[in-house]
């Protein structure tokens, strides 16, 4: 009798209606992005038509329209930091205690029908309700073309006469968008966990030594970032970059760089992988291109920082890449 116990499989839900189908029914157009893989940053905009009476509606939002466009941006890529329930309850208790103390000092008696303990319990329930924070803000764009240049999922909610209804539509969409984005992230996380459990069970986890064995291919069969447990910075600089630079023909390079993309498939910011690919291509043409060499160095550092969950370091490196790119090209 086998004593082997198979690893548990975590169920990954598949919603019956896609995000795109829901917004399509509401007349909202997704003009940029992939509804099956939301990027976490969204921009929704509406066109504000002139009012028939040619008078301003005198709402607080009038000054937020630019060239007939009202736009709202929400960035949900960072996990919101919320106070824990114990802190909320403690703060609530302090306020109640202060209120009761103040009333006593002023000679005011509590009404006979007020049960302080029941009041505390009810306020705890209210303060502990699960809520979804909506860090969205009004932003200004001169044209639709400028909006579509942004690194975001873009939605057009329609044309409106006046501001009020447009504002309702714009402020409602981020709530649903954030919920769908976080659900997609959770499904992807469970799928990744299942894959890793399977890899552990089959013994196919790889480290630097496994990958850097003398082979004709950049990566052995089955290698991926999900199954890699070594030093990614060392792998990039000691294996990937030298191997790709040394490819004898362009056809050989194309074959090997696709293995690199396949290995990095689960990396969350694919533009960093494309940055490394582009820099290596430039260095293959001109080995002395210092600009490409600098971008390659920064790209490798950023990938390693994000891989090791150094979010602050990754953001700083991303800014360095942006600054260097804008000053060089």
C-alpha atoms as a PDB file:
ATOM      1  CA  UNK A   1       0.000   0.000   0.000  1.00  0.00           C
ATOM      2  CA  UNK A   2       1.408   3.379  -1.002  1.00  0.00           C
ATOM      3  CA  UNK A   3       2.037   5.875   1.744  1.00  0.00           C
ATOM      4  CA  UNK A   4       2.264   8.718  -0.744  1.00  0.00           C
ATOM      5  CA  UNK A   5      -0.149  11.546   0.010  1.00  0.00           C
ATOM      6  CA  UNK A   6      -0.934  13.752  -2.977  1.00  0.00           C
ATOM      7  CA  UNK A   7      -0.681  17.477  -2.395  1.00  0.00           C
ATOM      8  CA  UNK A   8      -3.961  19.362  -1.962  1.00  0.00           C
ATOM      9  CA  UNK A   9      -5.239  21.182  -5.019  1.00  0.00           C
ATOM     10  CA  UNK A  10      -6.546  24.677  -4.413  1.00  0.00           C
ATOM     11  CA  UNK A  11      -9.695  25.441  -6.361  1.00  0.00           C
ATOM     12  CA  UNK A  12      -9.374  28.384  -8.732  1.00  0.00           C
ATOM     13  CA  UNK A  13     -12.746  29.912  -9.539  1.00  0.00           C
ATOM     14  CA  UNK A  14     -13.698  30.821 -13.085  1.00  0.00           C
ATOM     15  CA  UNK A  15     -16.237  33.651 -13.181  1.00  0.00           C
ATOM     16  CA  UNK A  16     -19.118  32.972 -15.546  1.00  0.00           C
ATOM     17  CA  UNK A  17     -19.145  36.558 -16.857  1.00  0.00           C
ATOM     18  CA  UNK A  18     -15.947  38.341 -17.831  1.00  0.00           C
ATOM     19  CA  UNK A  19     -15.280  41.929 -16.820  1.00  0.00           C
ATOM     20  CA  UNK A  20     -15.446  42.927 -20.492  1.00  0.00           C
ATOM     21  CA  UNK A  21     -18.900  41.343 -20.912  1.00  0.00           C
ATOM     22  CA  UNK A  22     -20.281  43.137 -17.854  1.00  0.00           C
ATOM     23  CA  UNK A  23     -19.071  46.596 -18.902  1.00  0.00           C
ATOM     24  CA  UNK A  24     -20.171  45.942 -22.493  1.00  0.00           C
ATOM     25  CA  UNK A  25     -23.734  45.369 -21.271  1.00  0.00           C
ATOM     26  CA  UNK A  26     -23.553  48.739 -19.509  1.00  0.00           C
ATOM     27  CA  UNK A  27     -22.398  50.501 -22.666  1.00  0.00           C
ATOM     28  CA  UNK A  28     -18.845  51.036 -21.398  1.00  0.00           C
ATOM     29  CA  UNK A  29     -16.038  50.550 -23.915  1.00  0.00           C
ATOM     30  CA  UNK A  30     -12.640  49.138 -22.948  1.00  0.00           C
ATOM     31  CA  UNK A  31     -10.315  50.997 -25.277  1.00  0.00           C
ATOM     32  CA  UNK A  32      -7.031  49.648 -23.964  1.00  0.00           C
ATOM     33  CA  UNK A  33      -5.984  46.598 -21.959  1.00  0.00           C
ATOM     34  CA  UNK A  34      -6.892  42.942 -21.531  1.00  0.00           C
ATOM     35  CA  UNK A  35      -9.993  42.248 -19.420  1.00  0.00           C
ATOM     36  CA  UNK A  36      -8.704  38.746 -18.615  1.00  0.00           C
ATOM     37  CA  UNK A  37      -5.471  40.158 -17.177  1.00  0.00           C
ATOM     38  CA  UNK A  38      -6.123  43.572 -15.671  1.00  0.00           C
ATOM     39  CA  UNK A  39      -2.930  45.530 -15.021  1.00  0.00           C
ATOM     40  CA  UNK A  40      -4.123  47.142 -11.772  1.00  0.00           C
ATOM     41  CA  UNK A  41      -4.170  50.747 -12.989  1.00  0.00           C
ATOM     42  CA  UNK A  42      -7.285  52.041 -14.680  1.00  0.00           C
ATOM     43  CA  UNK A  43      -8.386  55.269 -16.300  1.00  0.00           C
ATOM     44  CA  UNK A  44     -12.055  55.916 -17.001  1.00  0.00           C
ATOM     45  CA  UNK A  45     -13.185  58.968 -18.923  1.00  0.00           C
ATOM     46  CA  UNK A  46     -16.339  60.585 -20.253  1.00  0.00           C
ATOM     47  CA  UNK A  47     -17.028  63.233 -22.854  1.00  0.00           C
ATOM     48  CA  UNK A  48     -18.987  66.191 -21.524  1.00  0.00           C
ATOM     49  CA  UNK A  49     -21.253  67.725 -24.141  1.00  0.00           C
ATOM     50  CA  UNK A  50     -22.325  71.387 -24.070  1.00  0.00           C
ATOM     51  CA  UNK A  51     -25.500  72.002 -22.126  1.00  0.00           C
ATOM     52  CA  UNK A  52     -28.462  73.079 -24.325  1.00  0.00           C
ATOM     53  CA  UNK A  53     -28.962  76.240 -22.290  1.00  0.00           C
ATOM     54  CA  UNK A  54     -25.247  77.070 -22.690  1.00  0.00           C
ATOM     55  CA  UNK A  55     -24.966  77.667 -18.962  1.00  0.00           C
ATOM     56  CA  UNK A  56     -22.495  76.119 -16.603  1.00  0.00           C
ATOM     57  CA  UNK A  57     -23.949  73.592 -14.206  1.00  0.00           C
ATOM     58  CA  UNK A  58     -22.012  75.194 -11.323  1.00  0.00           C
ATOM     59  CA  UNK A  59     -20.958  71.854  -9.827  1.00  0.00           C
ATOM     60  CA  UNK A  60     -17.626  71.314  -8.041  1.00  0.00           C
ATOM     61  CA  UNK A  61     -16.490  69.268 -11.040  1.00  0.00           C
ATOM     62  CA  UNK A  62     -16.752  71.917 -13.766  1.00  0.00           C
ATOM     63  CA  UNK A  63     -13.117  72.970 -13.420  1.00  0.00           C
ATOM     64  CA  UNK A  64     -12.011  69.338 -13.727  1.00  0.00           C
ATOM     65  CA  UNK A  65     -13.119  69.079 -17.371  1.00  0.00           C
ATOM     66  CA  UNK A  66     -10.434  69.720 -19.975  1.00  0.00           C
ATOM     67  CA  UNK A  67     -11.305  69.941 -23.662  1.00  0.00           C
ATOM     68  CA  UNK A  68     -14.617  68.281 -22.930  1.00  0.00           C
ATOM     69  CA  UNK A  69     -13.034  65.299 -21.130  1.00  0.00           C
ATOM     70  CA  UNK A  70     -13.595  64.286 -17.515  1.00  0.00           C
ATOM     71  CA  UNK A  71     -11.189  61.520 -16.465  1.00  0.00           C
ATOM     72  CA  UNK A  72     -10.589  59.520 -13.306  1.00  0.00           C
ATOM     73  CA  UNK A  73      -7.585  57.338 -12.461  1.00  0.00           C
ATOM     74  CA  UNK A  74      -7.303  54.484  -9.962  1.00  0.00           C
ATOM     75  CA  UNK A  75      -4.081  52.632  -9.159  1.00  0.00           C
ATOM     76  CA  UNK A  76      -4.681  49.395  -7.257  1.00  0.00           C
ATOM     77  CA  UNK A  77      -1.315  47.686  -7.791  1.00  0.00           C
ATOM     78  CA  UNK A  78      -0.184  48.319  -4.236  1.00  0.00           C
ATOM     79  CA  UNK A  79      -2.000  46.358  -1.532  1.00  0.00           C
ATOM     80  CA  UNK A  80      -3.936  48.866   0.611  1.00  0.00           C
ATOM     81  CA  UNK A  81      -2.695  49.217   4.179  1.00  0.00           C
ATOM     82  CA  UNK A  82      -5.612  49.116   6.586  1.00  0.00           C
ATOM     83  CA  UNK A  83      -5.550  49.363  10.383  1.00  0.00           C
ATOM     84  CA  UNK A  84      -6.101  46.008  12.079  1.00  0.00           C
ATOM     85  CA  UNK A  85      -9.327  45.254  13.934  1.00  0.00           C
ATOM     86  CA  UNK A  86      -7.705  45.390  17.361  1.00  0.00           C
ATOM     87  CA  UNK A  87      -6.476  48.936  16.714  1.00  0.00           C
ATOM     88  CA  UNK A  88      -9.885  50.004  15.458  1.00  0.00           C
ATOM     89  CA  UNK A  89     -11.627  48.552  18.512  1.00  0.00           C
ATOM     90  CA  UNK A  90      -9.135  50.142  20.886  1.00  0.00           C
ATOM     91  CA  UNK A  91      -9.605  53.552  19.269  1.00  0.00           C
ATOM     92  CA  UNK A  92     -13.375  53.146  19.398  1.00  0.00           C
ATOM     93  CA  UNK A  93     -13.270  52.223  23.108  1.00  0.00           C
ATOM     94  CA  UNK A  94     -11.098  55.249  23.882  1.00  0.00           C
ATOM     95  CA  UNK A  95     -13.603  57.566  22.193  1.00  0.00           C
ATOM     96  CA  UNK A  96     -16.513  56.060  24.111  1.00  0.00           C
ATOM     97  CA  UNK A  97     -14.592  56.310  27.416  1.00  0.00           C
ATOM     98  CA  UNK A  98     -13.676  59.935  26.704  1.00  0.00           C
ATOM     99  CA  UNK A  99     -17.277  60.759  25.867  1.00  0.00           C
ATOM    100  CA  UNK A 100     -18.598  59.172  29.071  1.00  0.00           C
ATOM    101  CA  UNK A 101     -15.916  60.894  31.170  1.00  0.00           C
ATOM    102  CA  UNK A 102     -16.741  64.268  29.631  1.00  0.00           C
ATOM    103  CA  UNK A 103     -20.453  63.805  30.324  1.00  0.00           C
ATOM    104  CA  UNK A 104     -19.744  62.918  33.960  1.00  0.00           C
ATOM    105  CA  UNK A 105     -17.486  65.935  34.422  1.00  0.00           C
ATOM    106  CA  UNK A 106     -20.256  68.159  33.078  1.00  0.00           C
ATOM    107  CA  UNK A 107     -22.854  66.522  35.337  1.00  0.00           C
ATOM    108  CA  UNK A 108     -24.746  64.885  32.500  1.00  0.00           C
ATOM    109  CA  UNK A 109     -26.248  61.479  33.222  1.00  0.00           C
ATOM    110  CA  UNK A 110     -26.452  58.741  30.622  1.00  0.00           C
ATOM    111  CA  UNK A 111     -30.021  57.953  29.495  1.00  0.00           C
ATOM    112  CA  UNK A 112     -31.428  54.952  31.322  1.00  0.00           C
ATOM    113  CA  UNK A 113     -32.078  53.044  28.102  1.00  0.00           C
ATOM    114  CA  UNK A 114     -28.412  53.259  26.998  1.00  0.00           C
ATOM    115  CA  UNK A 115     -26.415  50.045  27.551  1.00  0.00           C
ATOM    116  CA  UNK A 116     -22.756  51.049  27.205  1.00  0.00           C
ATOM    117  CA  UNK A 117     -21.541  47.472  26.663  1.00  0.00           C
ATOM    118  CA  UNK A 118     -24.109  46.856  23.921  1.00  0.00           C
ATOM    119  CA  UNK A 119     -23.137  50.169  22.344  1.00  0.00           C
ATOM    120  CA  UNK A 120     -19.461  49.162  22.353  1.00  0.00           C
ATOM    121  CA  UNK A 121     -20.283  45.812  20.761  1.00  0.00           C
ATOM    122  CA  UNK A 122     -22.378  47.408  18.012  1.00  0.00           C
ATOM    123  CA  UNK A 123     -19.723  50.012  17.215  1.00  0.00           C
ATOM    124  CA  UNK A 124     -17.095  47.246  17.042  1.00  0.00           C
ATOM    125  CA  UNK A 125     -19.250  45.429  14.513  1.00  0.00           C
ATOM    126  CA  UNK A 126     -19.596  48.548  12.387  1.00  0.00           C
ATOM    127  CA  UNK A 127     -15.912  49.446  12.525  1.00  0.00           C
ATOM    128  CA  UNK A 128     -14.876  45.880  11.599  1.00  0.00           C
ATOM    129  CA  UNK A 129     -17.009  45.698   8.457  1.00  0.00           C
ATOM    130  CA  UNK A 130     -14.969  44.713   5.398  1.00  0.00           C
ATOM    131  CA  UNK A 131     -14.607  47.664   3.061  1.00  0.00           C
ATOM    132  CA  UNK A 132     -12.819  48.217  -0.237  1.00  0.00           C
ATOM    133  CA  UNK A 133     -10.771  51.429  -0.250  1.00  0.00           C
ATOM    134  CA  UNK A 134     -11.007  53.312  -3.548  1.00  0.00           C
ATOM    135  CA  UNK A 135      -7.814  55.351  -4.083  1.00  0.00           C
ATOM    136  CA  UNK A 136      -9.121  57.034  -7.254  1.00  0.00           C
ATOM    137  CA  UNK A 137      -8.642  60.650  -8.263  1.00  0.00           C
ATOM    138  CA  UNK A 138      -9.717  63.074 -10.962  1.00  0.00           C
ATOM    139  CA  UNK A 139      -6.949  63.690 -13.498  1.00  0.00           C
ATOM    140  CA  UNK A 140      -6.541  65.990 -16.485  1.00  0.00           C
ATOM    141  CA  UNK A 141      -5.852  64.893 -20.056  1.00  0.00           C
ATOM    142  CA  UNK A 142      -5.900  67.112 -23.110  1.00  0.00           C
ATOM    143  CA  UNK A 143      -7.164  64.431 -25.492  1.00  0.00           C
ATOM    144  CA  UNK A 144      -8.191  60.794 -25.845  1.00  0.00           C
ATOM    145  CA  UNK A 145      -4.871  60.145 -27.581  1.00  0.00           C
ATOM    146  CA  UNK A 146      -3.018  61.239 -24.428  1.00  0.00           C
ATOM    147  CA  UNK A 147      -5.136  58.877 -22.319  1.00  0.00           C
ATOM    148  CA  UNK A 148      -4.398  55.918 -24.600  1.00  0.00           C
ATOM    149  CA  UNK A 149      -0.656  56.528 -24.222  1.00  0.00           C
ATOM    150  CA  UNK A 150      -0.887  55.780 -20.489  1.00  0.00           C
ATOM    151  CA  UNK A 151       0.201  52.424 -19.050  1.00  0.00           C
ATOM    152  CA  UNK A 152      -3.287  51.520 -17.853  1.00  0.00           C
ATOM    153  CA  UNK A 153      -6.554  49.781 -18.671  1.00  0.00           C
ATOM    154  CA  UNK A 154      -8.650  52.495 -20.316  1.00  0.00           C
ATOM    155  CA  UNK A 155     -12.469  52.723 -20.293  1.00  0.00           C
ATOM    156  CA  UNK A 156     -14.782  55.141 -22.079  1.00  0.00           C
ATOM    157  CA  UNK A 157     -18.070  55.455 -20.188  1.00  0.00           C
ATOM    158  CA  UNK A 158     -19.883  57.567 -22.794  1.00  0.00           C
ATOM    159  CA  UNK A 159     -21.076  61.053 -23.566  1.00  0.00           C
ATOM    160  CA  UNK A 160     -23.040  63.120 -21.044  1.00  0.00           C
ATOM    161  CA  UNK A 161     -24.828  66.444 -21.017  1.00  0.00           C
ATOM    162  CA  UNK A 162     -23.610  68.006 -17.795  1.00  0.00           C
ATOM    163  CA  UNK A 163     -21.436  66.646 -15.043  1.00  0.00           C
ATOM    164  CA  UNK A 164     -23.563  64.860 -12.457  1.00  0.00           C
ATOM    165  CA  UNK A 165     -24.376  61.605 -14.255  1.00  0.00           C
ATOM    166  CA  UNK A 166     -20.872  61.385 -15.723  1.00  0.00           C
ATOM    167  CA  UNK A 167     -19.430  61.718 -12.224  1.00  0.00           C
ATOM    168  CA  UNK A 168     -21.661  58.907 -10.919  1.00  0.00           C
ATOM    169  CA  UNK A 169     -20.502  56.551 -13.673  1.00  0.00           C
ATOM    170  CA  UNK A 170     -16.836  57.389 -13.267  1.00  0.00           C
ATOM    171  CA  UNK A 171     -16.737  56.983  -9.496  1.00  0.00           C
ATOM    172  CA  UNK A 172     -18.647  53.681  -9.566  1.00  0.00           C
ATOM    173  CA  UNK A 173     -16.462  51.863 -12.099  1.00  0.00           C
ATOM    174  CA  UNK A 174     -13.262  51.776  -9.958  1.00  0.00           C
ATOM    175  CA  UNK A 175     -15.092  49.836  -7.245  1.00  0.00           C
ATOM    176  CA  UNK A 176     -15.922  46.997  -9.611  1.00  0.00           C
ATOM    177  CA  UNK A 177     -12.541  47.224 -11.358  1.00  0.00           C
ATOM    178  CA  UNK A 178     -10.617  46.875  -8.104  1.00  0.00           C
ATOM    179  CA  UNK A 179     -12.690  43.886  -7.011  1.00  0.00           C
ATOM    180  CA  UNK A 180     -12.107  42.102 -10.340  1.00  0.00           C
ATOM    181  CA  UNK A 181      -8.373  42.937 -10.317  1.00  0.00           C
ATOM    182  CA  UNK A 182      -7.890  41.546  -6.813  1.00  0.00           C
ATOM    183  CA  UNK A 183      -9.938  38.451  -7.687  1.00  0.00           C
ATOM    184  CA  UNK A 184      -7.749  37.819 -10.749  1.00  0.00           C
ATOM    185  CA  UNK A 185      -4.645  38.194  -8.598  1.00  0.00           C
ATOM    186  CA  UNK A 186      -6.040  35.695  -6.087  1.00  0.00           C
ATOM    187  CA  UNK A 187      -6.873  33.163  -8.835  1.00  0.00           C
ATOM    188  CA  UNK A 188      -3.386  33.557 -10.297  1.00  0.00           C
ATOM    189  CA  UNK A 189      -1.842  33.136  -6.850  1.00  0.00           C
ATOM    190  CA  UNK A 190      -3.738  29.881  -6.260  1.00  0.00           C
ATOM    191  CA  UNK A 191      -2.750  28.573  -9.710  1.00  0.00           C
ATOM    192  CA  UNK A 192       0.889  29.410  -8.960  1.00  0.00           C
ATOM    193  CA  UNK A 193       0.659  27.646  -5.605  1.00  0.00           C
ATOM    194  CA  UNK A 194      -0.753  24.540  -7.272  1.00  0.00           C
ATOM    195  CA  UNK A 195       2.067  24.579  -9.809  1.00  0.00           C
ATOM    196  CA  UNK A 196       4.727  24.959  -7.123  1.00  0.00           C
ATOM    197  CA  UNK A 197       3.234  22.123  -5.069  1.00  0.00           C
ATOM    198  CA  UNK A 198       3.271  19.956  -8.171  1.00  0.00           C
ATOM    199  CA  UNK A 199       6.899  20.878  -8.875  1.00  0.00           C
ATOM    200  CA  UNK A 200       7.919  19.988  -5.336  1.00  0.00           C
ATOM    201  CA  UNK A 201       6.104  16.683  -5.614  1.00  0.00           C
ATOM    202  CA  UNK A 202       7.824  15.749  -8.871  1.00  0.00           C
ATOM    203  CA  UNK A 203      11.229  17.021  -7.724  1.00  0.00           C
ATOM    204  CA  UNK A 204      11.637  19.460 -10.628  1.00  0.00           C
ATOM    205  CA  UNK A 205      12.697  22.502  -8.580  1.00  0.00           C
ATOM    206  CA  UNK A 206      15.893  24.020 -10.059  1.00  0.00           C
ATOM    207  CA  UNK A 207      18.695  26.184  -8.696  1.00  0.00           C
ATOM    208  CA  UNK A 208      21.556  28.051 -10.397  1.00  0.00           C
ATOM    209  CA  UNK A 209      23.713  24.943 -10.798  1.00  0.00           C
ATOM    210  CA  UNK A 210      20.900  23.002 -12.449  1.00  0.00           C
ATOM    211  CA  UNK A 211      20.279  25.734 -15.000  1.00  0.00           C
ATOM    212  CA  UNK A 212      23.916  26.668 -15.693  1.00  0.00           C
ATOM    213  CA  UNK A 213      25.017  23.204 -16.738  1.00  0.00           C
ATOM    214  CA  UNK A 214      26.733  23.063 -20.116  1.00  0.00           C
ATOM    215  CA  UNK A 215      23.859  22.790 -22.582  1.00  0.00           C
ATOM    216  CA  UNK A 216      23.058  24.076 -26.051  1.00  0.00           C
ATOM    217  CA  UNK A 217      19.886  25.706 -24.771  1.00  0.00           C
ATOM    218  CA  UNK A 218      19.644  28.753 -22.507  1.00  0.00           C
ATOM    219  CA  UNK A 219      17.275  26.925 -20.137  1.00  0.00           C
ATOM    220  CA  UNK A 220      16.601  23.215 -19.674  1.00  0.00           C
ATOM    221  CA  UNK A 221      13.143  21.807 -20.324  1.00  0.00           C
ATOM    222  CA  UNK A 222      10.633  22.708 -17.615  1.00  0.00           C
ATOM    223  CA  UNK A 223      12.635  25.605 -16.138  1.00  0.00           C
ATOM    224  CA  UNK A 224      10.580  28.607 -15.066  1.00  0.00           C
ATOM    225  CA  UNK A 225      10.732  31.427 -12.561  1.00  0.00           C
ATOM    226  CA  UNK A 226       8.116  29.585 -10.495  1.00  0.00           C
ATOM    227  CA  UNK A 227      10.397  26.572 -10.061  1.00  0.00           C
ATOM    228  CA  UNK A 228      13.640  28.518  -9.626  1.00  0.00           C
ATOM    229  CA  UNK A 229      15.048  28.687  -6.071  1.00  0.00           C
ATOM    230  CA  UNK A 230      18.481  30.220  -6.637  1.00  0.00           C
ATOM    231  CA  UNK A 231      20.078  33.664  -7.000  1.00  0.00           C
ATOM    232  CA  UNK A 232      18.240  35.396  -9.853  1.00  0.00           C
ATOM    233  CA  UNK A 233      20.744  38.259 -10.079  1.00  0.00           C
ATOM    234  CA  UNK A 234      23.564  35.761 -10.545  1.00  0.00           C
ATOM    235  CA  UNK A 235      21.530  33.834 -13.110  1.00  0.00           C
ATOM    236  CA  UNK A 236      20.849  36.946 -15.190  1.00  0.00           C
ATOM    237  CA  UNK A 237      24.407  38.259 -15.157  1.00  0.00           C
ATOM    238  CA  UNK A 238      26.342  34.973 -15.293  1.00  0.00           C
ATOM    239  CA  UNK A 239      24.088  32.944 -17.556  1.00  0.00           C
ATOM    240  CA  UNK A 240      21.354  34.796 -19.438  1.00  0.00           C
ATOM    241  CA  UNK A 241      23.165  37.934 -20.626  1.00  0.00           C
ATOM    242  CA  UNK A 242      26.458  36.256 -21.671  1.00  0.00           C
ATOM    243  CA  UNK A 243      24.590  33.385 -23.356  1.00  0.00           C
ATOM    244  CA  UNK A 244      22.352  35.676 -25.414  1.00  0.00           C
ATOM    245  CA  UNK A 245      25.218  38.018 -26.353  1.00  0.00           C
ATOM    246  CA  UNK A 246      27.228  35.024 -27.588  1.00  0.00           C
ATOM    247  CA  UNK A 247      24.523  33.661 -29.931  1.00  0.00           C
ATOM    248  CA  UNK A 248      26.218  33.294 -33.343  1.00  0.00           C
ATOM    249  CA  UNK A 249      23.252  34.132 -35.565  1.00  0.00           C
ATOM    250  CA  UNK A 250      20.120  36.249 -35.261  1.00  0.00           C
ATOM    251  CA  UNK A 251      18.011  33.141 -35.788  1.00  0.00           C
ATOM    252  CA  UNK A 252      19.777  31.437 -32.891  1.00  0.00           C
ATOM    253  CA  UNK A 253      19.220  34.524 -30.753  1.00  0.00           C
ATOM    254  CA  UNK A 254      15.488  34.550 -31.516  1.00  0.00           C
ATOM    255  CA  UNK A 255      15.215  30.906 -30.462  1.00  0.00           C
ATOM    256  CA  UNK A 256      17.085  31.402 -27.206  1.00  0.00           C
ATOM    257  CA  UNK A 257      15.452  34.705 -26.214  1.00  0.00           C
ATOM    258  CA  UNK A 258      12.036  33.044 -26.519  1.00  0.00           C
ATOM    259  CA  UNK A 259      13.218  30.571 -23.869  1.00  0.00           C
ATOM    260  CA  UNK A 260      14.091  33.571 -21.705  1.00  0.00           C
ATOM    261  CA  UNK A 261      10.577  35.001 -22.149  1.00  0.00           C
ATOM    262  CA  UNK A 262       9.113  31.581 -21.353  1.00  0.00           C
ATOM    263  CA  UNK A 263      11.226  31.321 -18.188  1.00  0.00           C
ATOM    264  CA  UNK A 264      10.128  34.822 -17.081  1.00  0.00           C
ATOM    265  CA  UNK A 265       6.460  34.328 -17.980  1.00  0.00           C
ATOM    266  CA  UNK A 266       5.240  34.686 -14.382  1.00  0.00           C
ATOM    267  CA  UNK A 267       7.285  37.853 -13.750  1.00  0.00           C
ATOM    268  CA  UNK A 268       4.687  40.612 -13.137  1.00  0.00           C
ATOM    269  CA  UNK A 269       6.226  43.451 -15.183  1.00  0.00           C
ATOM    270  CA  UNK A 270       7.038  42.064 -18.631  1.00  0.00           C
ATOM    271  CA  UNK A 271       8.295  45.445 -19.838  1.00  0.00           C
ATOM    272  CA  UNK A 272      11.453  44.807 -17.778  1.00  0.00           C
ATOM    273  CA  UNK A 273      12.041  41.572 -19.693  1.00  0.00           C
ATOM    274  CA  UNK A 274      11.508  43.441 -22.975  1.00  0.00           C
ATOM    275  CA  UNK A 275      13.951  46.111 -21.775  1.00  0.00           C
ATOM    276  CA  UNK A 276      16.673  43.485 -21.265  1.00  0.00           C
ATOM    277  CA  UNK A 277      15.896  41.911 -24.642  1.00  0.00           C
ATOM    278  CA  UNK A 278      16.098  45.301 -26.383  1.00  0.00           C
ATOM    279  CA  UNK A 279      19.353  46.261 -24.646  1.00  0.00           C
ATOM    280  CA  UNK A 280      21.007  42.959 -25.572  1.00  0.00           C
ATOM    281  CA  UNK A 281      19.911  43.387 -29.200  1.00  0.00           C
ATOM    282  CA  UNK A 282      21.563  46.830 -29.284  1.00  0.00           C
ATOM    283  CA  UNK A 283      24.762  45.455 -27.747  1.00  0.00           C
ATOM    284  CA  UNK A 284      24.838  42.674 -30.328  1.00  0.00           C
ATOM    285  CA  UNK A 285      24.819  45.392 -33.011  1.00  0.00           C
ATOM    286  CA  UNK A 286      27.193  47.779 -31.237  1.00  0.00           C
ATOM    287  CA  UNK A 287      29.179  46.262 -28.414  1.00  0.00           C
ATOM    288  CA  UNK A 288      30.318  49.696 -27.210  1.00  0.00           C
ATOM    289  CA  UNK A 289      26.831  51.144 -26.767  1.00  0.00           C
ATOM    290  CA  UNK A 290      27.094  52.479 -23.208  1.00  0.00           C
ATOM    291  CA  UNK A 291      23.463  53.526 -23.108  1.00  0.00           C
ATOM    292  CA  UNK A 292      22.267  49.995 -23.843  1.00  0.00           C
ATOM    293  CA  UNK A 293      24.745  48.588 -21.337  1.00  0.00           C
ATOM    294  CA  UNK A 294      23.440  50.938 -18.622  1.00  0.00           C
ATOM    295  CA  UNK A 295      19.799  50.017 -19.343  1.00  0.00           C
ATOM    296  CA  UNK A 296      20.728  46.335 -19.266  1.00  0.00           C
ATOM    297  CA  UNK A 297      22.347  46.785 -15.859  1.00  0.00           C
ATOM    298  CA  UNK A 298      19.371  48.701 -14.436  1.00  0.00           C
ATOM    299  CA  UNK A 299      16.890  46.231 -15.933  1.00  0.00           C
ATOM    300  CA  UNK A 300      18.615  43.244 -14.327  1.00  0.00           C
ATOM    301  CA  UNK A 301      18.768  45.028 -10.980  1.00  0.00           C
ATOM    302  CA  UNK A 302      15.083  45.925 -11.094  1.00  0.00           C
ATOM    303  CA  UNK A 303      14.002  42.369 -11.958  1.00  0.00           C
ATOM    304  CA  UNK A 304      16.068  41.038  -9.081  1.00  0.00           C
ATOM    305  CA  UNK A 305      14.629  43.638  -6.666  1.00  0.00           C
ATOM    306  CA  UNK A 306      11.039  42.844  -7.612  1.00  0.00           C
ATOM    307  CA  UNK A 307      11.742  39.101  -7.498  1.00  0.00           C
ATOM    308  CA  UNK A 308      13.017  39.521  -3.926  1.00  0.00           C
ATOM    309  CA  UNK A 309       9.988  41.700  -3.021  1.00  0.00           C
ATOM    310  CA  UNK A 310      12.103  44.823  -2.541  1.00  0.00           C
ATOM    311  CA  UNK A 311       9.288  47.115  -3.698  1.00  0.00           C
ATOM    312  CA  UNK A 312      11.004  50.365  -2.711  1.00  0.00           C
ATOM    313  CA  UNK A 313      14.222  49.345  -4.459  1.00  0.00           C
ATOM    314  CA  UNK A 314      12.283  48.331  -7.577  1.00  0.00           C
ATOM    315  CA  UNK A 315      10.477  51.686  -7.668  1.00  0.00           C
ATOM    316  CA  UNK A 316      13.758  53.589  -7.337  1.00  0.00           C
ATOM    317  CA  UNK A 317      15.335  51.545 -10.131  1.00  0.00           C
ATOM    318  CA  UNK A 318      12.260  52.056 -12.314  1.00  0.00           C
ATOM    319  CA  UNK A 319      12.631  55.809 -11.858  1.00  0.00           C
ATOM    320  CA  UNK A 320      16.319  55.569 -12.784  1.00  0.00           C
ATOM    321  CA  UNK A 321      15.369  53.680 -15.953  1.00  0.00           C
ATOM    322  CA  UNK A 322      12.761  56.310 -16.840  1.00  0.00           C
ATOM    323  CA  UNK A 323      15.133  59.215 -16.200  1.00  0.00           C
ATOM    324  CA  UNK A 324      17.997  57.602 -18.111  1.00  0.00           C
ATOM    325  CA  UNK A 325      15.777  56.671 -21.068  1.00  0.00           C
ATOM    326  CA  UNK A 326      14.300  60.198 -21.341  1.00  0.00           C
ATOM    327  CA  UNK A 327      17.741  61.834 -21.177  1.00  0.00           C
ATOM    328  CA  UNK A 328      19.357  59.453 -23.651  1.00  0.00           C
ATOM    329  CA  UNK A 329      16.774  58.878 -26.341  1.00  0.00           C
END
